[in-house]
Amino acid sequence: MEDMTLSSRWKILNKELGKWRDALAKAMDNYRSGENRTNEMIQAQMWFGATGGGKKSFNHHECWEVVKYCKRFIIIPTGPAVVLNETPLRDSMTSDSPLDSL
């Protein structure tokens, strides 16, 4: 019985951690030089809350610290858009930011 409970809890936590990873990755991509890293966390919380599912904020930071270097959750920074002759090589104009719809 306990195995079922742990398995069920992990499914929920795994999903939450995946959503947090995605929100944090978006915030890291949006990071501007000279900005405080606290702003990055606030932005990640906003994106996490905007993804729906009833949860408004991510509260599993201790769990995140344990899994953040695991292959499934690791964040690979993409860095700023590279520009060649004033033409972005990566489409930085498209954004799925929940803030864009405000």
Foldseek 3Di string as FASTA:
>chain_A
DVVVVVVVVCVVVVVLLQLLLVLLQVLLQVDDPPDDVVVSQVSSLCSSCVVDPPDNGDDPVVVCVVCQPPPVRDHDHPYHFDADPNRTPDPPVDDPRPVVVD
